[in-house]
Amino acid sequence: MGDLCQNQRRKFWFAVIWRLCNFCMSVFFSLATYVQINDPDAGLWMVGYGVPAVLAGLVGLNPHVTETLPWRRLSDLHVTLSAAVAAMLAWRLDKERLSEMFHQEEGREFSGLLLTTVWLLLCRHSGRAPVGLLRVLTAVGITVFPFVAWLYFHLNQELRANWPTHCKTAI
């Protein structure tokens, strides 16, 4: 009886953490959508971050939404397009032998697409069964990383010295 109760508590807390991670990622993707406002191709990137912001927010509200056809189709479409564009950007970065990836716009775009793709794949089918330890730990790690990285680049102005103006002025 004690093991059953402990197992139920663990499942409860995993579900709470999973939902919080989705809300945090929704906030992050929303911020990423906002900072695209100064970008020359803002519309494209605002959709690129806005769709995962909405999808992650929906998972935060109701984890079982991942089992609905509209959520799955929109997620699959976004993952497919993001993976294709990320592959093209990776090829370009490799072809041009660009170093210091985060100083290159293509490197930042590649990283953003990779992050949205990995997050949506992590969310996939998370509503089928209780979320397990591995998914929760992965979600926490992925959730913390972009906020820490953004803070790090924001505090270290010398890292942003060579960025184009539209990357420096949004936030």
C-alpha atoms as a PDB file:
ATOM      1  CA  MET A   1       0.000   0.000   0.000  1.00  0.00           C
ATOM      2  CA  GLY A   2       2.875   2.383   0.867  1.00  0.00           C
ATOM      3  CA  ASP A   3       4.629   1.715  -2.450  1.00  0.00           C
ATOM      4  CA  LEU A   4       1.408   2.384  -4.347  1.00  0.00           C
ATOM      5  CA  CYS A   5       0.904   5.697  -2.562  1.00  0.00           C
ATOM      6  CA  GLN A   6       4.529   6.702  -3.140  1.00  0.00           C
ATOM      7  CA  ASN A   7       4.237   5.768  -6.812  1.00  0.00           C
ATOM      8  CA  GLN A   8       1.086   7.903  -7.134  1.00  0.00           C
ATOM      9  CA  ARG A   9       2.869  10.880  -5.542  1.00  0.00           C
ATOM     10  CA  ARG A  10       5.805  10.440  -7.898  1.00  0.00           C
ATOM     11  CA  LYS A  11       3.504  10.359 -10.935  1.00  0.00           C
ATOM     12  CA  PHE A  12       1.719  13.446  -9.632  1.00  0.00           C
ATOM     13  CA  TRP A  13       4.955  15.419  -9.227  1.00  0.00           C
ATOM     14  CA  PHE A  14       6.296  14.257 -12.594  1.00  0.00           C
ATOM     15  CA  ALA A  15       3.071  15.530 -14.188  1.00  0.00           C
ATOM     16  CA  VAL A  16       3.372  18.868 -12.380  1.00  0.00           C
ATOM     17  CA  ILE A  17       7.015  19.311 -13.427  1.00  0.00           C
ATOM     18  CA  TRP A  18       6.178  18.295 -17.008  1.00  0.00           C
ATOM     19  CA  ARG A  19       3.406  20.880 -17.199  1.00  0.00           C
ATOM     20  CA  LEU A  20       5.641  23.585 -15.673  1.00  0.00           C
ATOM     21  CA  CYS A  21       8.377  22.820 -18.197  1.00  0.00           C
ATOM     22  CA  ASN A  22       5.852  23.198 -21.006  1.00  0.00           C
ATOM     23  CA  PHE A  23       4.658  26.531 -19.629  1.00  0.00           C
ATOM     24  CA  CYS A  24       8.270  27.719 -19.316  1.00  0.00           C
ATOM     25  CA  MET A  25       9.073  26.632 -22.870  1.00  0.00           C
ATOM     26  CA  SER A  26       5.911  28.337 -24.075  1.00  0.00           C
ATOM     27  CA  VAL A  27       7.147  31.542 -22.426  1.00  0.00           C
ATOM     28  CA  PHE A  28      10.607  31.094 -23.932  1.00  0.00           C
ATOM     29  CA  PHE A  29       9.248  30.452 -27.426  1.00  0.00           C
ATOM     30  CA  SER A  30       6.951  33.464 -27.001  1.00  0.00           C
ATOM     31  CA  LEU A  31       9.947  35.636 -26.101  1.00  0.00           C
ATOM     32  CA  ALA A  32      11.818  34.218 -29.079  1.00  0.00           C
ATOM     33  CA  THR A  33       8.815  35.115 -31.236  1.00  0.00           C
ATOM     34  CA  TYR A  34       8.828  38.665 -29.887  1.00  0.00           C
ATOM     35  CA  VAL A  35      12.529  39.317 -30.480  1.00  0.00           C
ATOM     36  CA  GLN A  36      12.093  38.391 -34.145  1.00  0.00           C
ATOM     37  CA  ILE A  37      10.217  41.658 -34.671  1.00  0.00           C
ATOM     38  CA  ASN A  38      13.417  43.427 -35.853  1.00  0.00           C
ATOM     39  CA  ASP A  39      14.572  40.580 -38.089  1.00  0.00           C
ATOM     40  CA  PRO A  40      14.553  41.132 -41.858  1.00  0.00           C
ATOM     41  CA  ASP A  41      12.493  37.935 -42.295  1.00  0.00           C
ATOM     42  CA  ALA A  42      10.483  38.387 -39.095  1.00  0.00           C
ATOM     43  CA  GLY A  43       7.259  36.736 -40.287  1.00  0.00           C
ATOM     44  CA  LEU A  44       8.946  33.438 -41.027  1.00  0.00           C
ATOM     45  CA  TRP A  45      10.739  33.265 -37.675  1.00  0.00           C
ATOM     46  CA  MET A  46       7.757  34.515 -35.703  1.00  0.00           C
ATOM     47  CA  VAL A  47       5.763  31.568 -37.055  1.00  0.00           C
ATOM     48  CA  GLY A  48       8.757  29.299 -36.418  1.00  0.00           C
ATOM     49  CA  TYR A  49       8.707  30.144 -32.719  1.00  0.00           C
ATOM     50  CA  GLY A  50       5.046  31.051 -32.315  1.00  0.00           C
ATOM     51  CA  VAL A  51       3.714  27.633 -33.303  1.00  0.00           C
ATOM     52  CA  PRO A  52       5.826  25.773 -30.688  1.00  0.00           C
ATOM     53  CA  ALA A  53       4.869  28.441 -28.117  1.00  0.00           C
ATOM     54  CA  VAL A  54       1.198  27.666 -28.652  1.00  0.00           C
ATOM     55  CA  LEU A  55       1.707  23.896 -28.819  1.00  0.00           C
ATOM     56  CA  ALA A  56       3.810  23.835 -25.615  1.00  0.00           C
ATOM     57  CA  GLY A  57       1.270  26.063 -23.874  1.00  0.00           C
ATOM     58  CA  LEU A  58      -1.486  23.651 -24.821  1.00  0.00           C
ATOM     59  CA  VAL A  59       0.503  20.730 -23.406  1.00  0.00           C
ATOM     60  CA  GLY A  60       0.990  22.718 -20.213  1.00  0.00           C
ATOM     61  CA  LEU A  61      -2.756  23.217 -19.932  1.00  0.00           C
ATOM     62  CA  ASN A  62      -3.709  19.677 -20.899  1.00  0.00           C
ATOM     63  CA  PRO A  63      -0.982  17.075 -21.535  1.00  0.00           C
ATOM     64  CA  HIS A  64      -3.497  14.806 -23.277  1.00  0.00           C
ATOM     65  CA  VAL A  65      -3.784  17.333 -26.118  1.00  0.00           C
ATOM     66  CA  THR A  66      -0.784  15.590 -27.732  1.00  0.00           C
ATOM     67  CA  GLU A  67      -3.120  12.738 -28.608  1.00  0.00           C
ATOM     68  CA  THR A  68      -5.487  14.925 -30.632  1.00  0.00           C
ATOM     69  CA  LEU A  69      -5.210  14.924 -34.400  1.00  0.00           C
ATOM     70  CA  PRO A  70      -4.884  18.732 -34.825  1.00  0.00           C
ATOM     71  CA  TRP A  71      -2.045  18.951 -32.286  1.00  0.00           C
ATOM     72  CA  ARG A  72      -0.209  16.006 -33.839  1.00  0.00           C
ATOM     73  CA  ARG A  73      -0.607  17.245 -37.420  1.00  0.00           C
ATOM     74  CA  LEU A  74       0.529  20.785 -36.631  1.00  0.00           C
ATOM     75  CA  SER A  75       3.427  19.462 -34.572  1.00  0.00           C
ATOM     76  CA  ASP A  76       4.446  17.017 -37.310  1.00  0.00           C
ATOM     77  CA  LEU A  77       4.299  19.749 -39.956  1.00  0.00           C
ATOM     78  CA  HIS A  78       6.381  22.081 -37.839  1.00  0.00           C
ATOM     79  CA  VAL A  79       8.951  19.398 -37.003  1.00  0.00           C
ATOM     80  CA  THR A  80       9.260  18.405 -40.669  1.00  0.00           C
ATOM     81  CA  LEU A  81       9.720  21.970 -41.914  1.00  0.00           C
ATOM     82  CA  SER A  82      12.062  22.886 -39.060  1.00  0.00           C
ATOM     83  CA  ALA A  83      14.202  19.791 -39.611  1.00  0.00           C
ATOM     84  CA  ALA A  84      14.450  20.546 -43.335  1.00  0.00           C
ATOM     85  CA  VAL A  85      15.465  24.174 -42.778  1.00  0.00           C
ATOM     86  CA  ALA A  86      17.847  23.181 -39.955  1.00  0.00           C
ATOM     87  CA  ALA A  87      19.494  20.638 -42.281  1.00  0.00           C
ATOM     88  CA  MET A  88      19.983  23.344 -44.929  1.00  0.00           C
ATOM     89  CA  LEU A  89      21.437  25.732 -42.343  1.00  0.00           C
ATOM     90  CA  ALA A  90      23.748  23.020 -40.980  1.00  0.00           C
ATOM     91  CA  TRP A  91      24.948  22.276 -44.505  1.00  0.00           C
ATOM     92  CA  ARG A  92      25.599  25.982 -45.078  1.00  0.00           C
ATOM     93  CA  LEU A  93      27.462  26.341 -41.782  1.00  0.00           C
ATOM     94  CA  ASP A  94      29.592  23.311 -42.620  1.00  0.00           C
ATOM     95  CA  LYS A  95      30.185  24.366 -46.227  1.00  0.00           C
ATOM     96  CA  GLU A  96      31.353  27.826 -45.215  1.00  0.00           C
ATOM     97  CA  ARG A  97      33.366  26.415 -42.287  1.00  0.00           C
ATOM     98  CA  LEU A  98      31.872  29.039 -40.008  1.00  0.00           C
ATOM     99  CA  SER A  99      33.221  29.000 -36.492  1.00  0.00           C
ATOM    100  CA  GLU A 100      31.712  30.534 -33.378  1.00  0.00           C
ATOM    101  CA  MET A 101      28.268  29.332 -34.346  1.00  0.00           C
ATOM    102  CA  PHE A 102      26.313  31.684 -32.065  1.00  0.00           C
ATOM    103  CA  HIS A 103      28.034  34.703 -33.634  1.00  0.00           C
ATOM    104  CA  GLN A 104      26.595  33.720 -37.009  1.00  0.00           C
ATOM    105  CA  GLU A 105      22.935  34.350 -37.727  1.00  0.00           C
ATOM    106  CA  GLU A 106      22.648  30.949 -39.380  1.00  0.00           C
ATOM    107  CA  GLY A 107      24.039  29.320 -36.239  1.00  0.00           C
ATOM    108  CA  ARG A 108      21.467  31.013 -34.022  1.00  0.00           C
ATOM    109  CA  GLU A 109      18.682  30.133 -36.456  1.00  0.00           C
ATOM    110  CA  PHE A 110      19.876  26.520 -36.604  1.00  0.00           C
ATOM    111  CA  SER A 111      19.956  26.303 -32.802  1.00  0.00           C
ATOM    112  CA  GLY A 112      16.465  27.740 -32.488  1.00  0.00           C
ATOM    113  CA  LEU A 113      15.040  25.305 -35.010  1.00  0.00           C
ATOM    114  CA  LEU A 114      16.807  22.424 -33.333  1.00  0.00           C
ATOM    115  CA  LEU A 115      15.390  23.469 -29.967  1.00  0.00           C
ATOM    116  CA  THR A 116      11.810  23.713 -31.255  1.00  0.00           C
ATOM    117  CA  THR A 117      12.128  20.374 -33.039  1.00  0.00           C
ATOM    118  CA  VAL A 118      13.542  18.552 -30.023  1.00  0.00           C
ATOM    119  CA  TRP A 119      10.896  20.044 -27.728  1.00  0.00           C
ATOM    120  CA  LEU A 120       7.990  19.071 -29.964  1.00  0.00           C
ATOM    121  CA  LEU A 121       9.400  15.559 -30.354  1.00  0.00           C
ATOM    122  CA  LEU A 122       9.742  15.322 -26.580  1.00  0.00           C
ATOM    123  CA  CYS A 123       6.085  16.339 -26.215  1.00  0.00           C
ATOM    124  CA  ARG A 124       4.947  13.786 -28.777  1.00  0.00           C
ATOM    125  CA  HIS A 125       2.679  11.168 -27.198  1.00  0.00           C
ATOM    126  CA  SER A 126       3.302  12.535 -23.699  1.00  0.00           C
ATOM    127  CA  GLY A 127      -0.445  12.398 -23.099  1.00  0.00           C
ATOM    128  CA  ARG A 128      -0.725   8.631 -23.631  1.00  0.00           C
ATOM    129  CA  ALA A 129       0.575   7.559 -20.254  1.00  0.00           C
ATOM    130  CA  PRO A 130       2.027   9.132 -17.117  1.00  0.00           C
ATOM    131  CA  VAL A 131       5.252  10.997 -17.845  1.00  0.00           C
ATOM    132  CA  GLY A 132       8.305   9.096 -16.653  1.00  0.00           C
ATOM    133  CA  LEU A 133      11.520  10.134 -14.976  1.00  0.00           C
ATOM    134  CA  LEU A 134      13.620  10.203 -18.166  1.00  0.00           C
ATOM    135  CA  ARG A 135      11.211  12.525 -19.988  1.00  0.00           C
ATOM    136  CA  VAL A 136      10.923  14.812 -16.953  1.00  0.00           C
ATOM    137  CA  LEU A 137      14.697  15.033 -16.455  1.00  0.00           C
ATOM    138  CA  THR A 138      15.216  15.682 -20.160  1.00  0.00           C
ATOM    139  CA  ALA A 139      12.505  18.348 -20.095  1.00  0.00           C
ATOM    140  CA  VAL A 140      14.053  20.098 -17.100  1.00  0.00           C
ATOM    141  CA  GLY A 141      17.484  20.124 -18.761  1.00  0.00           C
ATOM    142  CA  ILE A 142      16.135  21.443 -22.034  1.00  0.00           C
ATOM    143  CA  THR A 143      13.962  24.020 -20.267  1.00  0.00           C
ATOM    144  CA  VAL A 144      16.801  25.439 -18.189  1.00  0.00           C
ATOM    145  CA  PHE A 145      19.320  25.631 -21.056  1.00  0.00           C
ATOM    146  CA  PRO A 146      17.777  28.371 -23.258  1.00  0.00           C
ATOM    147  CA  PHE A 147      17.045  30.664 -20.313  1.00  0.00           C
ATOM    148  CA  VAL A 148      20.592  30.298 -18.977  1.00  0.00           C
ATOM    149  CA  ALA A 149      22.096  30.763 -22.448  1.00  0.00           C
ATOM    150  CA  TRP A 150      19.962  33.831 -23.131  1.00  0.00           C
ATOM    151  CA  LEU A 151      20.945  35.344 -19.774  1.00  0.00           C
ATOM    152  CA  TYR A 152      24.607  34.545 -20.396  1.00  0.00           C
ATOM    153  CA  PHE A 153      24.621  36.267 -23.796  1.00  0.00           C
ATOM    154  CA  HIS A 154      22.605  39.184 -22.443  1.00  0.00           C
ATOM    155  CA  LEU A 155      25.067  39.807 -19.595  1.00  0.00           C
ATOM    156  CA  ASN A 156      28.202  39.388 -21.762  1.00  0.00           C
ATOM    157  CA  GLN A 157      28.015  42.232 -24.243  1.00  0.00           C
ATOM    158  CA  GLU A 158      31.361  41.349 -25.820  1.00  0.00           C
ATOM    159  CA  LEU A 159      29.806  38.090 -27.044  1.00  0.00           C
ATOM    160  CA  ARG A 160      27.192  40.092 -28.929  1.00  0.00           C
ATOM    161  CA  ALA A 161      29.600  42.683 -30.347  1.00  0.00           C
ATOM    162  CA  ASN A 162      29.537  41.288 -33.901  1.00  0.00           C
ATOM    163  CA  TRP A 163      25.818  40.578 -34.037  1.00  0.00           C
ATOM    164  CA  PRO A 164      23.715  42.511 -36.537  1.00  0.00           C
ATOM    165  CA  THR A 165      21.753  45.466 -35.126  1.00  0.00           C
ATOM    166  CA  HIS A 166      18.399  43.694 -35.316  1.00  0.00           C
ATOM    167  CA  CYS A 167      19.738  41.035 -32.928  1.00  0.00           C
ATOM    168  CA  LYS A 168      20.845  43.580 -30.342  1.00  0.00           C
ATOM    169  CA  THR A 169      17.819  45.836 -30.081  1.00  0.00           C
ATOM    170  CA  ALA A 170      14.757  43.659 -29.371  1.00  0.00           C
ATOM    171  CA  ILE A 171      15.405  42.996 -25.675  1.00  0.00           C
END
